[in-house]
Amino acid sequence: MNRLKKIIVTMVLLLASVQFYAQRPHDHDKIKTLKIAFITERLDLSSKEAQDFWPIYNEYESNRASLREKEHSQIRSKVKESHNLSEKEAKAIVELFLEFEQEEEDIRKDFIKKAAEVITAKKTLLLLRSEEEFKRQLIKKYHQKRGESGKNIP
């Protein structure tokens, strides 16, 4: 009976770990939660700063996501079929791509200005660095899960 309990416990733990480490195609909520925790820890925001900062950050992330969706639907799908486009159509898509790039830059500039108004300039710079660090850690963990070393990441 004791051996049966050990086998059952082992099976439950095995299933739980498989479930935990299973690759989910779009686990954005989990990544978003981890990113918020990472940034919160790095910036060490006061309660007043956090109250003012997070709505600005959430709006920034929402605007970026909307822009990416729009870009994907209007450009990325057409790029895959670029060999079937005329030069005029390709030129129009390149121009649209540049407009999206400018809009993304404008969204980022607006966010940085707003963030610097509610948190210090030093914390704003720390935020920019923390976002990059989070991204690098995420990529590193992804490669580790895939059995790669991740050392070839620039």
C-alpha atoms as a PDB file:
ATOM      1  CA  MET A   1       0.000   0.000   0.000  1.00  0.00           C
ATOM      2  CA  ASN A   2       2.843   2.368   0.855  1.00  0.00           C
ATOM      3  CA  ARG A   3       4.447   1.717  -2.536  1.00  0.00           C
ATOM      4  CA  LEU A   4       1.148   2.468  -4.284  1.00  0.00           C
ATOM      5  CA  LYS A   5       0.952   5.838  -2.492  1.00  0.00           C
ATOM      6  CA  LYS A   6       4.484   6.674  -3.625  1.00  0.00           C
ATOM      7  CA  ILE A   7       3.614   5.783  -7.210  1.00  0.00           C
ATOM      8  CA  ILE A   8       0.452   7.903  -7.106  1.00  0.00           C
ATOM      9  CA  VAL A   9       2.299  10.875  -5.596  1.00  0.00           C
ATOM     10  CA  THR A  10       5.052  10.518  -8.195  1.00  0.00           C
ATOM     11  CA  MET A  11       2.492  10.386 -11.009  1.00  0.00           C
ATOM     12  CA  VAL A  12       0.683  13.460  -9.709  1.00  0.00           C
ATOM     13  CA  LEU A  13       3.963  15.377  -9.450  1.00  0.00           C
ATOM     14  CA  LEU A  14       5.007  14.229 -12.900  1.00  0.00           C
ATOM     15  CA  LEU A  15       1.701  15.298 -14.429  1.00  0.00           C
ATOM     16  CA  ALA A  16       1.835  18.625 -12.609  1.00  0.00           C
ATOM     17  CA  SER A  17       5.362  19.317 -13.828  1.00  0.00           C
ATOM     18  CA  VAL A  18       4.466  18.352 -17.393  1.00  0.00           C
ATOM     19  CA  GLN A  19       1.487  20.672 -17.220  1.00  0.00           C
ATOM     20  CA  PHE A  20       3.655  23.446 -15.767  1.00  0.00           C
ATOM     21  CA  TYR A  21       6.395  23.126 -18.376  1.00  0.00           C
ATOM     22  CA  ALA A  22       4.142  22.401 -21.331  1.00  0.00           C
ATOM     23  CA  GLN A  23       4.615  24.866 -24.164  1.00  0.00           C
ATOM     24  CA  ARG A  24       1.546  26.993 -24.577  1.00  0.00           C
ATOM     25  CA  PRO A  25       1.371  28.850 -27.879  1.00  0.00           C
ATOM     26  CA  HIS A  26       0.019  32.088 -26.461  1.00  0.00           C
ATOM     27  CA  ASP A  27       0.719  32.356 -22.773  1.00  0.00           C
ATOM     28  CA  HIS A  28       0.731  36.148 -22.831  1.00  0.00           C
ATOM     29  CA  ASP A  29      -0.979  36.569 -19.469  1.00  0.00           C
ATOM     30  CA  LYS A  30       1.694  34.604 -17.635  1.00  0.00           C
ATOM     31  CA  ILE A  31       4.482  36.543 -19.357  1.00  0.00           C
ATOM     32  CA  LYS A  32       2.731  39.830 -18.634  1.00  0.00           C
ATOM     33  CA  THR A  33       2.428  38.924 -14.939  1.00  0.00           C
ATOM     34  CA  LEU A  34       6.099  37.972 -14.778  1.00  0.00           C
ATOM     35  CA  LYS A  35       7.076  41.200 -16.532  1.00  0.00           C
ATOM     36  CA  ILE A  36       5.036  43.332 -14.123  1.00  0.00           C
ATOM     37  CA  ALA A  37       6.630  41.588 -11.148  1.00  0.00           C
ATOM     38  CA  PHE A  38      10.102  42.001 -12.666  1.00  0.00           C
ATOM     39  CA  ILE A  39       9.619  45.716 -13.353  1.00  0.00           C
ATOM     40  CA  THR A  40       8.001  46.324  -9.963  1.00  0.00           C
ATOM     41  CA  GLU A  41      10.940  44.720  -8.197  1.00  0.00           C
ATOM     42  CA  ARG A  42      13.538  46.589 -10.252  1.00  0.00           C
ATOM     43  CA  LEU A  43      11.954  50.043 -10.010  1.00  0.00           C
ATOM     44  CA  ASP A  44      11.081  49.841  -6.316  1.00  0.00           C
ATOM     45  CA  LEU A  45       8.111  52.174  -6.831  1.00  0.00           C
ATOM     46  CA  SER A  46       6.447  53.943  -3.947  1.00  0.00           C
ATOM     47  CA  SER A  47       2.704  53.351  -3.667  1.00  0.00           C
ATOM     48  CA  LYS A  48       2.028  56.812  -5.154  1.00  0.00           C
ATOM     49  CA  GLU A  49       4.435  56.193  -8.033  1.00  0.00           C
ATOM     50  CA  ALA A  50       2.915  52.768  -8.706  1.00  0.00           C
ATOM     51  CA  GLN A  51      -0.609  54.207  -8.650  1.00  0.00           C
ATOM     52  CA  ASP A  52       0.363  56.816 -11.261  1.00  0.00           C
ATOM     53  CA  PHE A  53       2.778  54.676 -13.290  1.00  0.00           C
ATOM     54  CA  TRP A  54       0.900  51.431 -13.980  1.00  0.00           C
ATOM     55  CA  PRO A  55      -2.088  52.984 -15.802  1.00  0.00           C
ATOM     56  CA  ILE A  56       0.381  54.777 -18.109  1.00  0.00           C
ATOM     57  CA  TYR A  57       2.356  51.585 -18.672  1.00  0.00           C
ATOM     58  CA  ASN A  58      -0.778  49.528 -19.302  1.00  0.00           C
ATOM     59  CA  GLU A  59      -2.014  52.087 -21.837  1.00  0.00           C
ATOM     60  CA  TYR A  60       1.395  51.986 -23.546  1.00  0.00           C
ATOM     61  CA  GLU A  61       1.357  48.191 -23.750  1.00  0.00           C
ATOM     62  CA  SER A  62      -2.228  48.225 -25.032  1.00  0.00           C
ATOM     63  CA  ASN A  63      -1.393  50.782 -27.724  1.00  0.00           C
ATOM     64  CA  ARG A  64       1.629  48.736 -28.825  1.00  0.00           C
ATOM     65  CA  ALA A  65      -0.432  45.540 -28.978  1.00  0.00           C
ATOM     66  CA  SER A  66      -3.136  47.233 -31.053  1.00  0.00           C
ATOM     67  CA  LEU A  67      -0.552  48.617 -33.433  1.00  0.00           C
ATOM     68  CA  ARG A  68       1.119  45.194 -33.817  1.00  0.00           C
ATOM     69  CA  GLU A  69      -2.231  43.580 -34.599  1.00  0.00           C
ATOM     70  CA  LYS A  70      -3.011  46.258 -37.157  1.00  0.00           C
ATOM     71  CA  GLU A  71       0.440  45.927 -38.699  1.00  0.00           C
ATOM     72  CA  HIS A  72       0.140  42.163 -38.870  1.00  0.00           C
ATOM     73  CA  SER A  73      -3.213  42.258 -40.600  1.00  0.00           C
ATOM     74  CA  GLN A  74      -2.231  44.980 -43.078  1.00  0.00           C
ATOM     75  CA  ILE A  75       1.407  44.192 -43.803  1.00  0.00           C
ATOM     76  CA  ARG A  76       2.814  40.898 -42.565  1.00  0.00           C
ATOM     77  CA  SER A  77       0.300  38.748 -44.420  1.00  0.00           C
ATOM     78  CA  LYS A  78       1.097  40.604 -47.666  1.00  0.00           C
ATOM     79  CA  VAL A  79       4.845  40.297 -47.194  1.00  0.00           C
ATOM     80  CA  LYS A  80       4.508  36.520 -47.365  1.00  0.00           C
ATOM     81  CA  GLU A  81       3.011  36.932 -50.838  1.00  0.00           C
ATOM     82  CA  SER A  82       5.427  39.638 -51.991  1.00  0.00           C
ATOM     83  CA  HIS A  83       6.368  37.681 -55.113  1.00  0.00           C
ATOM     84  CA  ASN A  84       2.788  38.148 -56.381  1.00  0.00           C
ATOM     85  CA  LEU A  85       2.710  41.924 -55.842  1.00  0.00           C
ATOM     86  CA  SER A  86       3.326  44.566 -58.450  1.00  0.00           C
ATOM     87  CA  GLU A  87       6.089  47.104 -57.780  1.00  0.00           C
ATOM     88  CA  LYS A  88       3.444  49.748 -57.061  1.00  0.00           C
ATOM     89  CA  GLU A  89       1.688  47.520 -54.508  1.00  0.00           C
ATOM     90  CA  ALA A  90       5.021  46.621 -52.888  1.00  0.00           C
ATOM     91  CA  LYS A  91       5.979  50.297 -52.652  1.00  0.00           C
ATOM     92  CA  ALA A  92       2.639  51.082 -50.967  1.00  0.00           C
ATOM     93  CA  ILE A  93       3.236  48.322 -48.412  1.00  0.00           C
ATOM     94  CA  VAL A  94       6.757  49.613 -47.714  1.00  0.00           C
ATOM     95  CA  GLU A  95       5.322  53.093 -47.122  1.00  0.00           C
ATOM     96  CA  LEU A  96       2.666  51.650 -44.823  1.00  0.00           C
ATOM     97  CA  PHE A  97       5.374  49.740 -42.943  1.00  0.00           C
ATOM     98  CA  LEU A  98       7.321  52.975 -42.427  1.00  0.00           C
ATOM     99  CA  GLU A  99       4.160  54.662 -41.139  1.00  0.00           C
ATOM    100  CA  PHE A 100       3.699  51.863 -38.600  1.00  0.00           C
ATOM    101  CA  GLU A 101       7.335  52.167 -37.534  1.00  0.00           C
ATOM    102  CA  GLN A 102       6.886  55.919 -37.002  1.00  0.00           C
ATOM    103  CA  GLU A 103       3.660  55.369 -35.076  1.00  0.00           C
ATOM    104  CA  GLU A 104       5.401  52.827 -32.834  1.00  0.00           C
ATOM    105  CA  GLU A 105       8.213  55.300 -32.177  1.00  0.00           C
ATOM    106  CA  ASP A 106       5.668  58.032 -31.369  1.00  0.00           C
ATOM    107  CA  ILE A 107       3.881  55.723 -28.920  1.00  0.00           C
ATOM    108  CA  ARG A 108       7.193  54.947 -27.201  1.00  0.00           C
ATOM    109  CA  LYS A 109       8.244  58.613 -27.012  1.00  0.00           C
ATOM    110  CA  ASP A 110       4.863  59.597 -25.567  1.00  0.00           C
ATOM    111  CA  PHE A 111       5.105  56.827 -22.981  1.00  0.00           C
ATOM    112  CA  ILE A 112       8.618  57.796 -21.905  1.00  0.00           C
ATOM    113  CA  LYS A 113       7.585  61.440 -21.497  1.00  0.00           C
ATOM    114  CA  LYS A 114       4.539  60.468 -19.417  1.00  0.00           C
ATOM    115  CA  ALA A 115       6.510  57.972 -17.335  1.00  0.00           C
ATOM    116  CA  ALA A 116       9.221  60.535 -16.580  1.00  0.00           C
ATOM    117  CA  GLU A 117       6.506  62.838 -15.212  1.00  0.00           C
ATOM    118  CA  VAL A 118       5.294  60.309 -12.613  1.00  0.00           C
ATOM    119  CA  ILE A 119       8.526  58.511 -11.744  1.00  0.00           C
ATOM    120  CA  THR A 120      12.020  59.972 -11.630  1.00  0.00           C
ATOM    121  CA  ALA A 121      14.185  60.233 -14.731  1.00  0.00           C
ATOM    122  CA  LYS A 122      16.560  57.691 -13.163  1.00  0.00           C
ATOM    123  CA  LYS A 123      13.708  55.232 -12.655  1.00  0.00           C
ATOM    124  CA  THR A 124      12.588  55.854 -16.235  1.00  0.00           C
ATOM    125  CA  LEU A 125      16.045  54.872 -17.469  1.00  0.00           C
ATOM    126  CA  LEU A 126      15.995  51.902 -15.117  1.00  0.00           C
ATOM    127  CA  LEU A 127      12.631  50.925 -16.605  1.00  0.00           C
ATOM    128  CA  LEU A 128      14.082  50.939 -20.120  1.00  0.00           C
ATOM    129  CA  ARG A 129      16.996  48.795 -18.967  1.00  0.00           C
ATOM    130  CA  SER A 130      14.684  46.472 -17.016  1.00  0.00           C
ATOM    131  CA  GLU A 131      12.471  45.870 -20.043  1.00  0.00           C
ATOM    132  CA  GLU A 132      15.530  44.829 -22.046  1.00  0.00           C
ATOM    133  CA  GLU A 133      16.780  42.603 -19.214  1.00  0.00           C
ATOM    134  CA  PHE A 134      13.382  40.942 -18.953  1.00  0.00           C
ATOM    135  CA  LYS A 135      13.331  40.314 -22.689  1.00  0.00           C
ATOM    136  CA  ARG A 136      16.832  38.775 -22.587  1.00  0.00           C
ATOM    137  CA  GLN A 137      15.877  36.538 -19.650  1.00  0.00           C
ATOM    138  CA  LEU A 138      12.720  35.434 -21.424  1.00  0.00           C
ATOM    139  CA  ILE A 139      14.656  34.519 -24.563  1.00  0.00           C
ATOM    140  CA  LYS A 140      17.305  32.735 -22.516  1.00  0.00           C
ATOM    141  CA  LYS A 141      14.673  30.657 -20.697  1.00  0.00           C
ATOM    142  CA  TYR A 142      13.005  29.848 -23.989  1.00  0.00           C
ATOM    143  CA  HIS A 143      16.263  28.545 -25.422  1.00  0.00           C
ATOM    144  CA  GLN A 144      17.005  26.596 -22.256  1.00  0.00           C
ATOM    145  CA  LYS A 145      13.626  24.900 -22.507  1.00  0.00           C
ATOM    146  CA  ARG A 146      14.439  24.015 -26.090  1.00  0.00           C
ATOM    147  CA  GLY A 147      17.729  22.456 -25.018  1.00  0.00           C
ATOM    148  CA  GLU A 148      19.850  25.158 -26.582  1.00  0.00           C
ATOM    149  CA  SER A 149      22.495  27.103 -24.715  1.00  0.00           C
ATOM    150  CA  GLY A 150      21.252  30.511 -25.849  1.00  0.00           C
ATOM    151  CA  LYS A 151      24.879  31.675 -26.135  1.00  0.00           C
ATOM    152  CA  ASN A 152      24.432  32.662 -29.764  1.00  0.00           C
ATOM    153  CA  ILE A 153      21.907  35.357 -28.899  1.00  0.00           C
ATOM    154  CA  PRO A 154      23.338  38.776 -29.788  1.00  0.00           C
END
